[in-house]
Amino acid sequence: MAELLNGFAIGYDWLHAYLDDERRSSIAAAMFDKGLRPALEAYENGAGWTTETNNWQIVCVGGIAMASLALADVDPGLTERLLQLGMRHVGPAIDEYAPSGGFPEGIVYWKYATKYLVQYIASLVSATGHDFGMSDAPGLAETGAFALHMAGPTGLSFNVADASPAQGGLPEMYWLAERYEHPEYAWWADEGLASADPAAAMVWYGLSDRATPAQAGLATDVVYEHVGIALSRSAWGGSTGLFTGFRPGDNASSHGDLDMGTFVLDAGGVRWAEDLGAESYSLPGYFGSQRGTYYRKRAEGHNTLVIGSGSGPDQAPAGRGKVIAHGSSGGAGWTVADLSEAYADRGVDAWQRGVAMIDDRTRVVVQDEVQASQPADAWWFMHTSATVEIAPDGRSAVLTLDGRTVLARIADAPAGAVFSVMDAAPLPTSPNPDGQAANEQSKLTIRVSDGSAFTLSVVFDPVVDGVALPPLPQIVRLAGWASRGL
């Protein structure tokens, strides 16, 4: 309903002089009867969206407010009341962008919320001359960079939290670029013009200069600790560089999966480690008690470590990762997270995972260190669309896709730990409800059985014709990554 109010408000306002009295009256009556009066009732009765701090609150408040502004001269009392209620309720949802612009629901819902938030704020300014301090909220000036950092050079985003990997600039980023003097936001909006809403693009297109992320000096490494996401790339520009997205995670977040520790990897214009994305929203209990039974929402459906999997949730549903160290230099970028909460109920005393781009940002290391009070049965998983060929000794695997090749090697692991390939499907001990989408990917796996204390380090090297592969790097304990600077 709020989306319809948004669209009707724009149509009613922009075409006001064109519409005759009868049409204006008919449209206004529909907006009041079907949207604004029910909205007031929802506010007064404490409907669920009025207390949410996710995209739902922003979209609803924004659509209601724009319709109220458009019809303010028709019923000043009702519309003023709705505008005041909206500003009173929306603050906690806008606070989700604080402190540095990251958004806990991932990039797709960032686009959804930010679209409606910008249109809401811009409408307040155009109709009243003020945004009442809303655009000064912490994190909003920086939030355009979140979209840029989440975009890999392959044209795919780091698609956590029910997101698709599709990317592209939002037209509302033209407004963000002008308001916060970030010309790189306008450049990113230009990149998305082919699939953008042309009306929104038309309104703000000419407001700002452009600058590429490199010209704007955007960092190659960033950690959004408050939303559990770390991102690194070898450089800005081009489609073949290295890119990693790493999610220390928050399993209880809105649209969150049981995905603490998952990662994606781009190299040579190919996404090698993939996130499978959303399942059908219509599956039973998808946003309730059954969410953790669906493969794509479980840890085993992500690129992470799974310990002691069974018929229940395969990570703690309320578990949250914590970034404990990160660093950036010209030749390296790295993040280490404490993920112990994921398996604390299974005898795991400590689990840390580090993801690093090393050796002048030419290769990637994913390293796990586990301490358990009882022997753990652990699986290391990485989903991929590549063809995988395992070496006879099981210690390396050649991944091939779209004419490109990456070599994965086990640099450190308990005795007997080797690569294998499995279907992207539940383990025999896991739930497997009907109605789930088929997964065309396979998954590269390593199994560690009866390990109470172990390190598992995997190194990824893009293979370039005529260039010799480097030897495996010296494996440094995660606690030493900071002092070594990688």
Protein backbone atom coordinates (compact mmCIF):
# COMPACT_ATOMS: atom_id res chain seq x y z
CA MET A 1 0.00 0.00 0.00
CA ALA A 2 2.84 2.41 0.82
CA GLU A 3 4.42 1.71 -2.57
CA LEU A 4 1.11 2.55 -4.27
CA LEU A 5 0.79 5.72 -2.20
CA ASN A 6 4.26 6.72 -3.35
CA GLY A 7 3.35 6.25 -7.01
CA PHE A 8 -0.06 7.89 -6.70
CA ALA A 9 1.47 10.85 -4.85
CA ILE A 10 3.97 11.48 -7.64
CA GLY A 11 1.32 11.11 -10.35
CA TYR A 12 -1.18 13.33 -8.55
CA ASP A 13 1.42 16.01 -7.87
CA TRP A 14 3.26 16.08 -11.19
CA LEU A 15 0.08 15.86 -13.29
CA HIS A 16 -2.00 18.09 -11.06
CA ALA A 17 -2.46 20.86 -13.63
CA TYR A 18 -3.30 18.34 -16.35
CA LEU A 19 -5.97 16.48 -14.39
CA ASP A 20 -9.49 17.92 -14.36
CA ASP A 21 -11.38 18.43 -11.10
CA GLU A 22 -13.26 15.13 -11.37
CA ARG A 23 -10.09 13.08 -11.85
CA ARG A 24 -8.25 14.88 -9.06
CA SER A 25 -11.15 14.29 -6.71
CA SER A 26 -11.40 10.61 -7.63
CA ILE A 27 -7.68 10.00 -7.17
CA ALA A 28 -7.57 11.90 -3.88
CA ALA A 29 -10.56 9.99 -2.53
CA ALA A 30 -8.89 6.67 -3.36
CA MET A 31 -5.66 7.72 -1.66
CA PHE A 32 -7.53 8.77 1.48
CA ASP A 33 -9.92 5.81 1.63
CA LYS A 34 -7.53 3.03 0.62
CA GLY A 35 -4.26 4.39 2.02
CA LEU A 36 -4.10 7.34 4.38
CA ARG A 37 -7.01 6.60 6.71
CA PRO A 38 -5.96 2.95 7.09
CA ALA A 39 -2.42 4.23 7.69
CA LEU A 40 -3.62 6.42 10.55
CA GLU A 41 -5.48 3.47 12.03
CA ALA A 42 -2.32 1.35 11.74
CA TYR A 43 -0.25 3.98 13.53
CA GLU A 44 -2.80 4.31 16.31
CA ASN A 45 -3.13 0.52 16.75
CA GLY A 46 0.62 -0.11 16.73
CA ALA A 47 0.74 -2.24 13.57
CA GLY A 48 3.94 -4.27 13.27
CA TRP A 49 5.60 -2.08 10.65
CA THR A 50 5.30 0.98 12.90
CA THR A 51 7.90 -0.44 15.29
CA GLU A 52 10.16 -2.26 12.83
CA THR A 53 13.68 -0.92 12.36
CA ASN A 54 14.18 -2.46 8.92
CA ASN A 55 13.25 -1.52 5.36
CA TRP A 56 9.53 -1.98 6.05
CA GLN A 57 9.32 1.02 8.37
CA ILE A 58 11.17 3.29 5.93
CA VAL A 59 9.11 2.26 2.90
CA CYS A 60 5.79 2.60 4.75
CA VAL A 61 6.57 5.93 6.41
CA GLY A 62 7.99 7.31 3.16
CA GLY A 63 5.04 6.35 0.98
CA ILE A 64 2.49 7.62 3.50
CA ALA A 65 4.38 10.89 3.94
CA MET A 66 4.63 11.58 0.20
CA ALA A 67 0.90 11.04 -0.23
CA SER A 68 0.27 13.29 2.77
CA LEU A 69 2.39 16.05 1.23
CA ALA A 70 0.60 15.74 -2.10
CA LEU A 71 -2.84 15.99 -0.43
CA ALA A 72 -1.97 18.45 2.35
CA ASP A 73 -4.28 21.14 0.96
CA VAL A 74 -7.20 18.68 0.70
CA ASP A 75 -7.24 17.53 4.34
CA PRO A 76 -4.64 19.48 6.34
CA GLY A 77 -5.58 17.90 9.65
CA LEU A 78 -5.19 14.25 8.62
CA THR A 79 -2.09 14.79 6.51
CA GLU A 80 -0.31 16.85 9.19
CA ARG A 81 -1.08 14.13 11.72
CA LEU A 82 0.37 11.44 9.43
CA LEU A 83 3.50 13.48 8.70
CA GLN A 84 4.13 14.01 12.41
CA LEU A 85 3.59 10.30 13.17
CA GLY A 86 5.98 9.32 10.42
CA MET A 87 8.78 11.53 11.68
CA ARG A 88 8.17 10.27 15.19
CA HIS A 89 8.44 6.61 14.17
CA VAL A 90 11.06 6.47 11.41
CA GLY A 91 14.12 7.55 13.41
CA PRO A 92 15.09 4.10 14.76
CA ALA A 93 14.93 2.65 11.25
CA ILE A 94 17.18 5.40 9.87
CA ASP A 95 19.56 4.69 12.73
CA GLU A 96 20.29 1.33 11.06
CA TYR A 97 22.57 3.22 8.64
CA ALA A 98 24.74 4.40 11.53
CA PRO A 99 27.57 4.77 12.15
CA SER A 100 29.23 4.27 8.76
CA GLY A 101 26.53 3.67 6.16
CA GLY A 102 26.29 -0.12 6.13
CA PHE A 103 22.83 -1.68 6.06
CA PRO A 104 22.11 -4.91 7.98
CA GLU A 105 19.70 -6.39 5.42
CA GLY A 106 22.19 -6.48 2.56
CA ILE A 107 22.39 -4.61 -0.71
CA VAL A 108 18.99 -5.41 -2.24
CA TYR A 109 17.10 -4.19 0.80
CA TRP A 110 19.54 -1.29 1.08
CA LYS A 111 18.41 -0.24 -2.40
CA TYR A 112 14.75 -0.71 -1.48
CA ALA A 113 14.94 1.27 1.77
CA THR A 114 17.25 3.97 0.41
CA LYS A 115 15.06 4.58 -2.64
CA TYR A 116 12.05 5.35 -0.45
CA LEU A 117 14.06 7.25 2.15
CA VAL A 118 15.63 9.60 -0.40
CA GLN A 119 12.29 10.23 -2.11
CA TYR A 120 10.75 10.91 1.30
CA ILE A 121 13.45 13.38 2.35
CA ALA A 122 13.56 15.09 -1.05
CA SER A 123 9.76 15.47 -1.01
CA LEU A 124 9.87 17.09 2.41
CA VAL A 125 12.41 19.58 1.11
CA SER A 126 10.54 20.36 -2.11
CA ALA A 127 7.18 20.71 -0.35
CA THR A 128 8.20 22.46 2.89
CA GLY A 129 11.73 23.75 2.35
CA HIS A 130 13.07 21.60 5.21
CA ASP A 131 14.01 17.98 5.90
CA PHE A 132 13.86 18.60 9.68
CA GLY A 133 17.39 17.29 10.18
CA MET A 134 16.64 13.89 8.68
CA SER A 135 19.45 13.98 6.13
CA ASP A 136 21.93 14.71 8.92
CA ALA A 137 21.34 11.29 10.49
CA PRO A 138 24.63 9.44 11.15
CA GLY A 139 25.65 7.13 8.33
CA LEU A 140 23.54 8.63 5.54
CA ALA A 141 26.41 10.64 4.08
CA GLU A 142 28.51 7.47 3.83
CA THR A 143 25.85 4.99 2.80
CA GLY A 144 26.37 5.38 -0.94
CA ALA A 145 29.85 3.93 -0.46
CA PHE A 146 28.27 0.78 1.00
CA ALA A 147 26.70 0.06 -2.39
CA LEU A 148 30.01 0.62 -4.16
CA HIS A 149 31.99 -1.58 -1.77
CA MET A 150 29.45 -4.41 -1.99
CA ALA A 151 29.85 -4.55 -5.80
CA GLY A 152 32.41 -6.99 -7.11
CA PRO A 153 34.32 -6.41 -10.37
CA THR A 154 32.42 -9.30 -11.97
CA GLY A 155 29.21 -7.27 -11.98
CA LEU A 156 27.91 -9.29 -9.02
CA SER A 157 27.31 -8.00 -5.52
CA PHE A 158 28.05 -9.68 -2.21
CA ASN A 159 24.51 -10.96 -1.94
CA VAL A 160 23.98 -11.71 1.74
CA ALA A 161 20.57 -11.73 3.43
CA ASP A 162 18.01 -12.83 0.83
CA ALA A 163 19.67 -10.73 -1.86
CA SER A 164 20.28 -11.50 -5.50
CA PRO A 165 23.79 -10.85 -6.85
CA ALA A 166 22.53 -8.31 -9.40
CA GLN A 167 23.96 -4.86 -8.97
CA GLY A 168 23.67 -1.41 -10.45
CA GLY A 169 23.48 2.16 -9.26
CA LEU A 170 20.26 3.56 -7.82
CA PRO A 171 19.00 6.87 -9.34
CA GLU A 172 18.57 8.20 -5.81
CA MET A 173 22.37 8.13 -5.59
CA TYR A 174 22.36 11.29 -7.74
CA TRP A 175 20.59 12.99 -4.84
CA LEU A 176 23.03 11.47 -2.34
CA ALA A 177 25.95 12.65 -4.50
CA GLU A 178 24.73 16.24 -4.50
CA ARG A 179 23.60 16.36 -0.88
CA TYR A 180 26.81 14.90 0.55
CA GLU A 181 29.31 16.02 -2.14
CA HIS A 182 30.33 12.51 -3.19
CA PRO A 183 30.72 12.52 -6.99
CA GLU A 184 31.51 8.79 -6.98
CA TYR A 185 27.88 8.16 -6.03
CA ALA A 186 26.76 9.87 -9.25
CA TRP A 187 29.22 7.74 -11.21
CA TRP A 188 27.65 4.62 -9.69
CA ALA A 189 24.16 5.86 -10.54
CA ASP A 190 25.34 6.30 -14.15
CA GLU A 191 26.46 2.66 -14.12
CA GLY A 192 22.91 1.58 -13.32
CA LEU A 193 21.06 3.80 -15.79
CA ALA A 194 20.20 0.97 -18.18
CA SER A 195 17.93 -0.62 -15.57
CA ALA A 196 16.98 2.49 -13.60
CA ASP A 197 13.66 4.22 -13.08
CA PRO A 198 13.96 6.91 -15.78
CA ALA A 199 11.72 9.38 -13.96
CA ALA A 200 13.86 9.34 -10.82
CA ALA A 201 17.03 9.55 -12.90
CA MET A 202 15.63 12.53 -14.80
CA VAL A 203 14.94 14.49 -11.62
CA TRP A 204 18.47 14.30 -10.19
CA TYR A 205 20.74 13.41 -13.12
CA GLY A 206 22.42 16.78 -13.56
CA LEU A 207 22.95 17.75 -9.94
CA SER A 208 26.50 16.48 -9.39
CA ASP A 209 29.89 16.04 -10.96
CA ARG A 210 31.19 12.49 -11.50
CA ALA A 211 34.27 10.71 -10.20
CA THR A 212 35.24 7.06 -10.32
CA PRO A 213 35.87 5.33 -6.99
CA ALA A 214 39.60 5.46 -7.70
CA GLN A 215 39.46 9.20 -8.46
CA ALA A 216 37.48 9.75 -5.28
CA GLY A 217 40.08 7.86 -3.25
CA LEU A 218 37.69 5.17 -2.04
CA ALA A 219 39.48 2.61 0.12
CA THR A 220 40.14 -0.87 -1.27
CA ASP A 221 39.30 -2.44 2.11
CA VAL A 222 36.41 -1.66 4.42
CA VAL A 223 34.83 -3.28 7.45
CA TYR A 224 31.22 -2.58 8.41
CA GLU A 225 31.43 -4.00 11.90
CA HIS A 226 27.88 -3.04 12.88
CA VAL A 227 26.40 -5.17 10.07
CA GLY A 228 29.02 -7.93 10.06
CA ILE A 229 30.52 -7.43 6.58
CA ALA A 230 34.13 -6.96 5.41
CA LEU A 231 35.12 -6.25 1.80
CA SER A 232 38.45 -6.14 -0.04
CA ARG A 233 39.58 -5.72 -3.63
CA SER A 234 42.88 -5.57 -5.43
CA ALA A 235 42.04 -2.21 -7.03
CA TRP A 236 39.15 -0.07 -8.24
CA GLY A 237 38.46 -0.27 -11.95
CA GLY A 238 38.50 -3.13 -14.44
CA SER A 239 36.59 -6.39 -14.33
CA THR A 240 39.34 -8.93 -13.64
CA GLY A 241 40.73 -7.96 -10.25
CA LEU A 242 40.42 -9.83 -6.97
CA PHE A 243 37.44 -9.22 -4.69
CA THR A 244 36.37 -10.83 -1.43
CA GLY A 245 33.27 -10.37 0.64
CA PHE A 246 33.45 -11.85 4.15
CA ARG A 247 30.56 -12.03 6.58
CA PRO A 248 31.33 -12.40 10.28
CA GLY A 249 27.57 -12.09 10.41
CA ASP A 250 24.57 -11.67 12.64
CA ASN A 251 22.26 -14.67 12.37
CA ALA A 252 19.37 -12.86 14.06
CA SER A 253 19.34 -9.87 11.70
CA SER A 254 16.38 -9.11 9.45
CA HIS A 255 16.52 -11.40 6.38
CA GLY A 256 19.58 -13.00 8.00
CA ASP A 257 20.77 -16.52 7.23
CA LEU A 258 22.76 -18.92 9.38
CA ASP A 259 25.85 -17.72 7.54
CA MET A 260 28.49 -16.62 10.03
CA GLY A 261 31.87 -16.93 8.32
CA THR A 262 30.67 -17.11 4.71
CA PHE A 263 32.65 -15.50 1.90
CA VAL A 264 32.54 -14.82 -1.84
CA LEU A 265 35.53 -14.61 -4.18
CA ASP A 266 35.94 -12.92 -7.58
CA ALA A 267 39.04 -13.25 -9.76
CA GLY A 268 39.65 -12.83 -13.48
CA GLY A 269 36.12 -11.65 -14.14
CA VAL A 270 34.59 -14.79 -12.60
CA ARG A 271 32.81 -15.39 -9.29
CA TRP A 272 34.39 -18.55 -7.88
CA ALA A 273 32.83 -18.73 -4.43
CA GLU A 274 29.11 -17.99 -4.65
CA ASP A 275 26.27 -17.19 -2.27
CA LEU A 276 23.16 -19.06 -3.43
CA GLY A 277 20.85 -16.21 -2.44
CA ALA A 278 17.20 -16.23 -1.45
CA GLU A 279 14.70 -19.05 -1.48
CA SER A 280 11.00 -18.66 -2.29
CA TYR A 281 9.37 -16.33 0.22
CA SER A 282 6.22 -18.46 0.00
CA LEU A 283 7.82 -21.53 1.58
CA PRO A 284 6.19 -22.48 4.90
CA GLY A 285 7.72 -20.66 7.84
CA TYR A 286 10.34 -18.98 5.67
CA PHE A 287 10.33 -15.88 7.87
CA GLY A 288 9.64 -17.88 11.00
CA SER A 289 10.56 -21.09 12.76
CA GLN A 290 11.24 -23.11 9.59
CA ARG A 291 13.72 -20.73 7.99
CA GLY A 292 16.71 -22.67 9.32
CA THR A 293 15.47 -25.89 7.70
CA TYR A 294 15.95 -24.61 4.13
CA TYR A 295 19.31 -25.35 2.53
CA ARG A 296 20.03 -21.88 1.19
CA LYS A 297 19.39 -20.40 4.62
CA ARG A 298 21.53 -22.89 6.53
CA ALA A 299 25.26 -22.72 7.17
CA GLU A 300 25.75 -25.80 4.97
CA GLY A 301 24.29 -23.76 2.10
CA HIS A 302 27.02 -21.13 2.49
CA ASN A 303 30.79 -20.90 2.17
CA THR A 304 31.67 -21.48 5.78
CA LEU A 305 32.59 -24.07 8.37
CA VAL A 306 29.83 -26.37 9.63
CA ILE A 307 30.43 -28.21 12.90
CA GLY A 308 28.20 -30.93 14.34
CA SER A 309 25.39 -30.56 11.85
CA GLY A 310 22.08 -32.31 12.52
CA SER A 311 18.35 -31.92 12.09
CA GLY A 312 18.17 -28.60 13.91
CA PRO A 313 19.66 -25.20 13.01
CA ASP A 314 23.28 -25.72 11.99
CA GLN A 315 24.48 -22.49 13.60
CA ALA A 316 23.17 -20.71 16.67
CA PRO A 317 20.14 -18.70 15.44
CA ALA A 318 21.09 -15.77 17.68
CA GLY A 319 24.83 -16.08 17.04
CA ARG A 320 26.83 -13.03 16.06
CA GLY A 321 30.38 -12.70 14.80
CA LYS A 322 32.79 -10.05 15.97
CA VAL A 323 35.64 -8.51 13.99
CA ILE A 324 38.69 -8.71 16.23
CA ALA A 325 41.37 -7.49 13.82
CA HIS A 326 41.64 -6.00 10.36
CA GLY A 327 44.21 -4.15 8.34
CA SER A 328 45.00 -2.64 4.97
CA SER A 329 48.16 -1.79 3.09
CA GLY A 330 49.17 -1.45 -0.52
CA GLY A 331 49.99 -5.13 -0.73
CA ALA A 332 47.42 -6.73 1.55
CA GLY A 333 44.01 -6.46 3.13
CA TRP A 334 42.71 -8.77 5.84
CA THR A 335 40.00 -9.33 8.43
CA VAL A 336 39.87 -11.75 11.36
CA ALA A 337 36.59 -12.52 13.11
CA ASP A 338 35.67 -14.38 16.27
CA LEU A 339 32.79 -16.66 15.27
CA SER A 340 32.70 -18.78 18.44
CA GLU A 341 29.02 -18.05 19.14
CA ALA A 342 28.02 -20.06 16.07
CA TYR A 343 28.90 -23.40 17.68
CA ALA A 344 29.30 -22.65 21.37
CA ASP A 345 26.47 -25.09 22.13
CA ARG A 346 28.40 -27.91 20.42
CA GLY A 347 31.51 -27.94 22.50
CA VAL A 348 33.38 -25.37 20.40
CA ASP A 349 35.29 -23.08 22.75
CA ALA A 350 36.72 -20.88 20.01
CA TRP A 351 36.41 -20.49 16.25
CA GLN A 352 38.17 -17.74 14.38
CA ARG A 353 38.21 -17.22 10.63
CA GLY A 354 40.47 -14.88 8.71
CA VAL A 355 40.15 -13.82 5.06
CA ALA A 356 43.16 -12.10 3.53
CA MET A 357 44.30 -10.75 0.18
CA ILE A 358 48.11 -11.11 0.16
CA ASP A 359 51.28 -10.85 -1.94
CA ASP A 360 50.48 -7.52 -3.57
CA ARG A 361 46.82 -8.50 -3.64
CA THR A 362 47.36 -11.35 -6.10
CA ARG A 363 46.01 -14.25 -4.02
CA VAL A 364 43.54 -15.00 -1.24
CA VAL A 365 43.82 -16.98 2.00
CA VAL A 366 40.85 -18.29 4.00
CA GLN A 367 41.99 -19.62 7.38
CA ASP A 368 40.08 -21.23 10.24
CA GLU A 369 41.33 -21.96 13.75
CA VAL A 370 39.13 -24.10 16.00
CA GLN A 371 39.41 -25.11 19.66
CA ALA A 372 36.83 -27.58 20.99
CA SER A 373 36.33 -29.26 24.35
CA GLN A 374 35.32 -32.44 22.56
CA PRO A 375 36.26 -33.88 19.15
CA ALA A 376 34.42 -31.96 16.42
CA ASP A 377 33.09 -33.20 13.11
CA ALA A 378 33.64 -30.24 10.80
CA TRP A 379 32.90 -29.55 7.14
CA TRP A 380 34.50 -26.74 5.10
CA PHE A 381 32.20 -25.73 2.23
CA MET A 382 32.56 -23.48 -0.83
CA HIS A 383 29.79 -23.28 -3.45
CA THR A 384 30.88 -22.77 -7.05
CA SER A 385 29.65 -22.98 -10.63
CA ALA A 386 33.14 -23.97 -11.77
CA THR A 387 34.21 -27.37 -13.01
CA VAL A 388 36.39 -28.86 -10.27
CA GLU A 389 39.26 -31.31 -10.76
CA ILE A 390 40.80 -32.70 -7.58
CA ALA A 391 44.49 -33.65 -7.57
CA PRO A 392 45.32 -37.33 -6.78
CA ASP A 393 46.61 -36.40 -3.32
CA GLY A 394 43.49 -34.35 -2.59
CA ARG A 395 45.52 -31.36 -1.44
CA SER A 396 44.72 -29.13 -4.42
CA ALA A 397 41.85 -28.51 -6.81
CA VAL A 398 41.71 -26.80 -10.20
CA LEU A 399 38.57 -24.73 -10.75
CA THR A 400 37.67 -23.80 -14.33
CA LEU A 401 34.90 -21.49 -15.53
CA ASP A 402 34.41 -19.23 -18.57
CA GLY A 403 37.92 -19.92 -19.83
CA ARG A 404 39.51 -18.90 -16.52
CA THR A 405 41.23 -21.04 -13.90
CA VAL A 406 41.86 -20.77 -10.19
CA LEU A 407 43.98 -23.16 -8.13
CA ALA A 408 42.82 -23.92 -4.59
CA ARG A 409 45.41 -25.51 -2.28
CA ILE A 410 45.26 -26.75 1.28
CA ALA A 411 48.16 -24.98 2.97
CA ASP A 412 47.52 -26.30 6.47
CA ALA A 413 45.11 -28.92 7.78
CA PRO A 414 44.92 -31.94 10.06
CA ALA A 415 46.27 -35.20 8.70
CA GLY A 416 43.92 -36.80 6.22
CA ALA A 417 42.00 -33.63 5.36
CA VAL A 418 41.56 -33.47 1.59
CA PHE A 419 39.36 -31.78 -1.00
CA SER A 420 36.28 -33.47 -2.38
CA VAL A 421 33.27 -32.34 -4.40
CA MET A 422 29.63 -32.65 -3.33
CA ASP A 423 26.29 -31.57 -4.71
CA ALA A 424 24.89 -28.32 -3.35
CA ALA A 425 22.36 -30.25 -1.28
CA PRO A 426 21.70 -31.03 2.39
CA LEU A 427 23.85 -33.49 4.29
CA PRO A 428 22.15 -36.82 5.04
CA THR A 429 21.59 -35.71 8.65
CA SER A 430 20.04 -32.37 7.65
CA PRO A 431 16.41 -31.40 7.02
CA ASN A 432 15.33 -31.29 3.39
CA PRO A 433 11.81 -29.81 3.10
CA ASP A 434 9.86 -29.99 -0.14
CA GLY A 435 9.55 -27.01 -2.45
CA GLN A 436 13.14 -25.78 -2.39
CA ALA A 437 14.81 -24.53 -5.57
CA ALA A 438 17.33 -26.78 -7.29
CA ASN A 439 20.95 -25.66 -7.01
CA GLU A 440 23.03 -26.04 -10.15
CA GLN A 441 26.28 -25.33 -8.31
CA SER A 442 28.51 -27.91 -6.70
CA LYS A 443 30.56 -27.39 -3.58
CA LEU A 444 34.22 -27.85 -2.87
CA THR A 445 34.55 -29.50 0.54
CA ILE A 446 37.06 -30.53 3.19
CA ARG A 447 36.13 -32.74 6.13
CA VAL A 448 37.87 -32.74 9.48
CA SER A 449 36.74 -35.63 11.66
CA ASP A 450 37.36 -35.84 15.40
CA GLY A 451 39.34 -32.63 15.52
CA SER A 452 39.44 -30.89 18.88
CA ALA A 453 42.07 -28.31 17.92
CA PHE A 454 42.94 -27.63 14.30
CA THR A 455 43.91 -25.04 11.70
CA LEU A 456 42.51 -25.19 8.20
CA SER A 457 44.06 -22.83 5.67
CA VAL A 458 43.11 -22.69 1.98
CA VAL A 459 44.95 -20.54 -0.58
CA PHE A 460 43.42 -19.41 -3.89
CA ASP A 461 45.67 -18.45 -6.82
CA PRO A 462 44.38 -17.22 -10.18
CA VAL A 463 46.17 -19.13 -12.94
CA VAL A 464 47.62 -16.98 -15.74
CA ASP A 465 49.07 -18.59 -18.87
CA GLY A 466 52.84 -18.29 -18.97
CA VAL A 467 53.12 -17.18 -15.35
CA ALA A 468 54.55 -19.64 -12.86
CA LEU A 469 52.43 -20.39 -9.82
CA PRO A 470 53.98 -19.14 -6.59
CA PRO A 471 54.77 -21.57 -3.79
CA LEU A 472 52.36 -21.78 -0.90
CA PRO A 473 52.79 -18.88 1.52
CA GLN A 474 54.09 -19.38 5.03
CA ILE A 475 51.08 -19.99 7.24
CA VAL A 476 50.88 -17.51 10.10
CA ARG A 477 48.53 -17.98 13.04
CA LEU A 478 45.62 -15.54 12.95
CA ALA A 479 46.87 -13.89 16.12
CA GLY A 480 50.01 -12.93 14.21
CA TRP A 481 48.36 -11.43 11.15
CA ALA A 482 48.37 -7.96 12.65
CA SER A 483 52.03 -7.99 13.67
CA ARG A 484 53.13 -9.41 10.33
CA GLY A 485 50.92 -7.01 8.35
CA LEU A 486 50.65 -9.82 5.81
